[in-house]
């Protein structure tokens, strides 16, 4: 039986815990090349980080009848094909998901939050089957209480769906005093949290374009990783 009340910290993955742009962008480039379509410019490529891949493909005018194939290509490069240079082990080839590094200080902040008694749950729009090996590879799994992501079949795709799925799995019960806050870097985190009646602490070190988090009604923005624990403590102390 779950203990109540609990304070739950929902954590985004890309741009919040890990610097993942290299692998995502490289996999997107391979996808557009395989489709025989023009590769988006650098600014647009960076917008792929955060939203579900299918949403970004649609934004870049990939036709509906090509979307499933495009997602398959992307996922093959991102999850399986070891064709990219490993930033952590030069000379080693890895799939896109491992062209990735944990932001300095994140592990220390997660340890402190756990010591403070928070339940830490990863809540990502990345498919869960991709989140799990990423967290295991970078030794984040042991610092989290649960890992929750999108479904492989796209039936659970948006951040609010992932949050509700997480809450269902962990027995989150606001009526028994459970509270939660989202920590993320993109509009998807803020909008998804709002849809679930939650606030978001925004991470300036992530991938949001200038002004995006403010426009979407972020609760507070922190500039650096080492401000995370204090911001979470401050949030729950006032709620």
Protein backbone atom coordinates (compact mmCIF):
# COMPACT_ATOMS: atom_id res chain seq x y z
CA UNK A 1 0.00 0.00 0.00
CA UNK A 2 1.27 3.44 -0.91
CA UNK A 3 2.02 5.78 1.96
CA UNK A 4 0.22 9.12 1.96
CA UNK A 5 0.74 12.00 1.83
CA UNK A 6 3.64 12.03 -0.63
CA UNK A 7 5.41 14.84 -2.42
CA UNK A 8 6.15 13.72 -5.97
CA UNK A 9 8.74 15.36 -8.23
CA UNK A 10 8.10 14.56 -11.89
CA UNK A 11 11.26 14.89 -13.96
CA UNK A 12 11.59 15.30 -17.70
CA UNK A 13 14.54 13.52 -19.34
CA UNK A 14 15.84 15.34 -22.45
CA UNK A 15 17.10 18.81 -21.59
CA UNK A 16 16.41 18.34 -17.89
CA UNK A 17 18.46 15.35 -16.73
CA UNK A 18 20.50 14.75 -19.87
CA UNK A 19 22.01 16.77 -22.71
CA UNK A 20 20.61 14.67 -25.52
CA UNK A 21 20.49 16.97 -28.53
CA UNK A 22 23.37 15.29 -30.38
CA UNK A 23 21.73 11.89 -30.64
CA UNK A 24 18.23 13.17 -31.33
CA UNK A 25 19.35 15.56 -34.06
CA UNK A 26 21.65 12.99 -35.71
CA UNK A 27 18.78 10.48 -35.79
CA UNK A 28 16.39 13.09 -37.23
CA UNK A 29 18.90 13.97 -39.98
CA UNK A 30 19.23 10.28 -40.90
CA UNK A 31 15.43 10.01 -40.98
CA UNK A 32 14.93 12.89 -43.41
CA UNK A 33 17.78 11.62 -45.60
CA UNK A 34 16.19 8.15 -45.71
CA UNK A 35 12.84 9.69 -46.64
CA UNK A 36 14.47 11.71 -49.42
CA UNK A 37 13.14 14.91 -47.86
CA UNK A 38 15.05 18.17 -47.16
CA UNK A 39 16.74 18.16 -43.76
CA UNK A 40 15.34 20.95 -41.52
CA UNK A 41 17.62 23.83 -40.58
CA UNK A 42 19.53 23.86 -37.30
CA UNK A 43 16.96 25.92 -35.42
CA UNK A 44 14.15 23.59 -36.45
CA UNK A 45 16.21 20.49 -35.67
CA UNK A 46 16.56 21.71 -32.10
CA UNK A 47 12.77 21.95 -31.83
CA UNK A 48 12.64 18.15 -32.12
CA UNK A 49 13.91 17.92 -28.55
CA UNK A 50 10.97 17.64 -26.17
CA UNK A 51 7.80 16.90 -28.15
CA UNK A 52 6.85 13.43 -29.36
CA UNK A 53 8.70 12.59 -32.59
CA UNK A 54 5.49 12.19 -34.56
CA UNK A 55 4.40 15.73 -33.59
CA UNK A 56 7.70 17.18 -34.83
CA UNK A 57 7.53 15.20 -38.08
CA UNK A 58 4.02 16.54 -38.71
CA UNK A 59 5.23 20.09 -38.04
CA UNK A 60 7.84 19.55 -40.74
CA UNK A 61 5.26 18.48 -43.32
CA UNK A 62 5.94 14.75 -43.41
CA UNK A 63 2.72 13.40 -45.02
CA UNK A 64 0.33 11.35 -42.91
CA UNK A 65 0.89 8.26 -45.06
CA UNK A 66 4.66 8.44 -44.39
CA UNK A 67 4.52 9.14 -40.65
CA UNK A 68 4.59 5.55 -39.37
CA UNK A 69 7.53 4.72 -41.65
CA UNK A 70 9.35 7.90 -40.61
CA UNK A 71 8.91 7.06 -36.91
CA UNK A 72 10.26 3.55 -37.56
CA UNK A 73 13.35 4.97 -39.27
CA UNK A 74 13.94 7.47 -36.47
CA UNK A 75 13.57 4.84 -33.76
CA UNK A 76 15.92 2.45 -35.56
CA UNK A 77 18.70 5.05 -35.55
CA UNK A 78 17.86 6.34 -32.10
CA UNK A 79 17.50 3.00 -30.33
CA UNK A 80 19.29 0.33 -32.35
CA UNK A 81 21.80 1.28 -35.06
CA UNK A 82 25.23 1.90 -33.54
CA UNK A 83 26.46 4.35 -36.17
CA UNK A 84 27.18 7.51 -34.16
CA UNK A 85 30.32 8.54 -32.23
CA UNK A 86 30.03 8.01 -28.46
CA UNK A 87 30.76 11.31 -26.63
CA UNK A 88 31.63 9.37 -23.49
CA UNK A 89 33.95 6.79 -25.12
CA UNK A 90 35.78 8.18 -28.18
CA UNK A 91 36.11 5.62 -30.96
CA UNK A 92 33.06 3.69 -29.81
CA UNK A 93 29.92 3.65 -31.99
CA UNK A 94 26.49 3.85 -30.34
CA UNK A 95 22.83 4.40 -31.27
CA UNK A 96 21.44 7.93 -30.99
CA UNK A 97 20.05 7.49 -27.49
CA UNK A 98 23.58 7.12 -26.12
CA UNK A 99 24.92 10.23 -27.87
CA UNK A 100 24.01 11.82 -24.60
CA UNK A 101 25.53 13.00 -21.32
CA UNK A 102 24.06 13.66 -17.88
CA UNK A 103 24.15 17.37 -17.04
CA UNK A 104 26.86 18.04 -14.43
CA UNK A 105 25.38 18.15 -10.93
CA UNK A 106 22.15 16.31 -11.76
CA UNK A 107 23.09 13.13 -9.89
CA UNK A 108 23.98 15.11 -6.78
CA UNK A 109 20.68 16.99 -6.92
CA UNK A 110 18.68 13.76 -7.28
CA UNK A 111 20.48 12.27 -4.28
CA UNK A 112 19.62 15.35 -2.21
CA UNK A 113 15.97 15.28 -3.28
CA UNK A 114 15.70 11.61 -2.35
CA UNK A 115 17.28 12.36 1.03
CA UNK A 116 14.69 15.13 1.49
CA UNK A 117 11.98 12.47 1.18
CA UNK A 118 10.58 13.21 -2.29
CA UNK A 119 9.28 10.51 -4.62
CA UNK A 120 11.21 11.02 -7.87
CA UNK A 121 9.47 9.88 -11.06
CA UNK A 122 10.78 10.27 -14.59
CA UNK A 123 7.91 11.47 -16.83
CA UNK A 124 9.02 11.68 -20.46
CA UNK A 125 7.35 11.90 -23.87
CA UNK A 126 10.09 9.56 -25.05
CA UNK A 127 8.81 5.96 -25.29
CA UNK A 128 9.32 4.15 -22.00
CA UNK A 129 11.22 1.31 -23.67
CA UNK A 130 13.83 3.94 -24.66
CA UNK A 131 13.85 5.77 -21.31
CA UNK A 132 14.68 2.65 -19.30
CA UNK A 133 17.97 1.69 -21.03
CA UNK A 134 19.06 5.35 -21.14
CA UNK A 135 18.56 5.69 -17.38
CA UNK A 136 20.29 2.37 -16.78
CA UNK A 137 23.25 3.26 -19.01
CA UNK A 138 23.80 6.58 -17.27
CA UNK A 139 23.19 5.18 -13.76
CA UNK A 140 20.11 7.30 -13.16
CA UNK A 141 17.79 4.36 -12.46
CA UNK A 142 19.03 3.90 -8.92
CA UNK A 143 18.38 7.59 -8.21
CA UNK A 144 14.73 7.46 -9.36
CA UNK A 145 11.70 5.80 -7.77
CA UNK A 146 10.03 5.12 -11.12
CA UNK A 147 10.49 5.58 -14.87
CA UNK A 148 7.42 6.47 -16.95
CA UNK A 149 7.28 7.33 -20.63
CA UNK A 150 5.17 7.25 -23.75
CA UNK A 151 3.91 3.95 -25.17
CA UNK A 152 5.48 2.35 -28.22
CA UNK A 153 2.13 2.34 -30.08
CA UNK A 154 1.56 6.12 -29.58
CA UNK A 155 -1.62 5.55 -27.56
CA UNK A 156 0.14 7.34 -24.68
CA UNK A 157 1.96 10.19 -26.37
CA UNK A 158 1.55 13.59 -24.70
CA UNK A 159 2.98 14.72 -21.37
CA UNK A 160 -0.40 14.88 -19.62
CA UNK A 161 -1.06 11.27 -20.65
CA UNK A 162 2.33 10.23 -19.28
CA UNK A 163 1.72 12.07 -16.01
CA UNK A 164 -1.69 10.44 -15.55
CA UNK A 165 -0.19 7.04 -16.37
CA UNK A 166 2.52 7.65 -13.77
CA UNK A 167 -0.02 8.72 -11.15
CA UNK A 168 -2.13 5.64 -11.84
CA UNK A 169 0.91 3.35 -11.49
CA UNK A 170 2.12 4.86 -8.21
CA UNK A 171 -1.34 5.28 -6.66
CA UNK A 172 -1.11 9.07 -6.48
CA UNK A 173 -4.08 10.37 -4.49
CA UNK A 174 -4.56 14.12 -4.05
CA UNK A 175 -7.52 13.41 -1.76
CA UNK A 176 -5.07 11.84 0.69
CA UNK A 177 -2.74 14.80 0.55
CA UNK A 178 -0.38 13.76 -2.24
CA UNK A 179 1.17 16.72 -4.09
CA UNK A 180 3.34 16.96 -7.20
CA UNK A 181 5.35 19.36 -9.32
CA UNK A 182 6.81 18.91 -12.82
CA UNK A 183 10.44 19.77 -13.57
CA UNK A 184 11.16 20.30 -17.27
CA UNK A 185 12.49 22.56 -19.99
CA UNK A 186 9.88 22.74 -22.78
CA UNK A 187 6.28 23.89 -23.37
CA UNK A 188 5.25 20.23 -23.43
CA UNK A 189 6.18 19.92 -19.75
CA UNK A 190 4.30 23.09 -18.80
CA UNK A 191 1.18 22.41 -20.87
CA UNK A 192 1.06 18.76 -19.80
CA UNK A 193 1.39 19.68 -16.15
CA UNK A 194 -1.30 22.36 -16.43
CA UNK A 195 -3.66 19.79 -18.00
CA UNK A 196 -3.18 17.71 -14.85
CA UNK A 197 -3.59 20.68 -12.48
CA UNK A 198 0.14 20.92 -11.73
CA UNK A 199 2.84 23.57 -11.84
CA UNK A 200 6.22 23.33 -13.57
CA UNK A 201 9.68 24.39 -12.44
CA UNK A 202 11.46 25.33 -15.67
CA UNK A 203 15.09 24.48 -16.41
CA UNK A 204 16.98 27.22 -18.24
CA UNK A 205 19.80 24.80 -19.16
CA UNK A 206 17.46 22.85 -21.45
CA UNK A 207 16.19 23.37 -24.98
CA UNK A 208 13.36 25.92 -24.77
CA UNK A 209 13.61 28.83 -27.23
CA UNK A 210 13.79 32.26 -25.59
CA UNK A 211 10.47 33.20 -23.98
CA UNK A 212 8.77 29.83 -24.51
CA UNK A 213 8.51 28.81 -20.86
CA UNK A 214 7.25 32.23 -19.82
CA UNK A 215 4.63 32.25 -22.59
CA UNK A 216 3.28 28.90 -21.46
CA UNK A 217 2.93 29.94 -17.82
CA UNK A 218 5.84 28.27 -16.07
CA UNK A 219 5.68 28.57 -12.26
CA UNK A 220 9.36 29.39 -11.75
CA UNK A 221 12.52 29.18 -13.84
CA UNK A 222 15.84 28.08 -12.37
CA UNK A 223 19.04 29.02 -14.17
CA UNK A 224 21.42 26.29 -13.05
CA UNK A 225 21.29 22.63 -12.00
CA UNK A 226 22.47 23.34 -8.46
CA UNK A 227 19.30 25.40 -7.83
CA UNK A 228 17.00 22.40 -8.28
CA UNK A 229 16.77 21.10 -4.72
CA UNK A 230 16.13 24.58 -3.28
CA UNK A 231 13.44 25.30 -5.89
CA UNK A 232 11.63 22.03 -5.14
CA UNK A 233 11.81 22.61 -1.38
CA UNK A 234 10.56 26.16 -1.85
CA UNK A 235 7.66 24.97 -3.99
CA UNK A 236 6.40 22.35 -1.57
CA UNK A 237 6.90 24.64 1.44
CA UNK A 238 4.45 27.11 -0.14
CA UNK A 239 1.91 24.51 -1.27
